Amino acid sequence: MVGITSLLIPILLSAVLVFVVSSVIHMTLTYHKNDFQKLPNEDAVMDALRPLSIAPGDYLMPHAGGAANMNKPEFLERRNKGPVAVMTVIAPGPPAMGAQLLMWFLYAALVSLFAAYVSGRALGPGAAYMAVFRLIGTVAFTGYALALLQNSIWYKRNWGMTLRTMFDGLIYSLLTAGVFGWLWP
């Protein structure tokens, strides 16, 4: 068994590496450029929604109000008439990425912390590089990628976007595994 405190350096280093590589992926590579589509007649849609002063949050329309209402004729009529949408409203204003970048780094550190915890319980000091790599990589992939499938399954998010983001998660998990394999006590 390896204590979590002896894994603090690989936890932090892998989080930094994931943060840097994710920045490179999103700023220089173009495979995420079509993750979101432009809404037809975007200005008219924005002009129509603006007076409603919709608070930031997640919305579903039409909203049934509960499972019991999902088969009621009035709800089915609204759903058939459309549009049907899952929508996230963000506060207006210029993009400010500072808080999101901080949360992303903390998330990367959290994934590494969980991978370190599981691996530290399963592997002893001096474990072989590939044993560490496999276990850390598997746990990190779980943290970075698997939960993304739910968004496409339940909320009809674009499968291409989900799979591209899972590919990013694979890259992040391999980097995390490599750092831990290299620095395993």
Foldseek 3Di string as FASTA:
>chain_A
DADLVLCVVLLLVLLVVLLVVVVCCVPPPCLCVVQDDQDVVNVVVCVVCVVVPDDFDKDWPPDQPDPVRCPPPVRVVRVVVDDTAIDGDDDDDDDDCVVVSVVSSVLSSVLLSVLCVVCPVVDDAPDALVVQLVSQLVSQLVSQADVLVCCCVPVVRDVSNNVVSSVSSNVSSNSSSNSCSVSGD
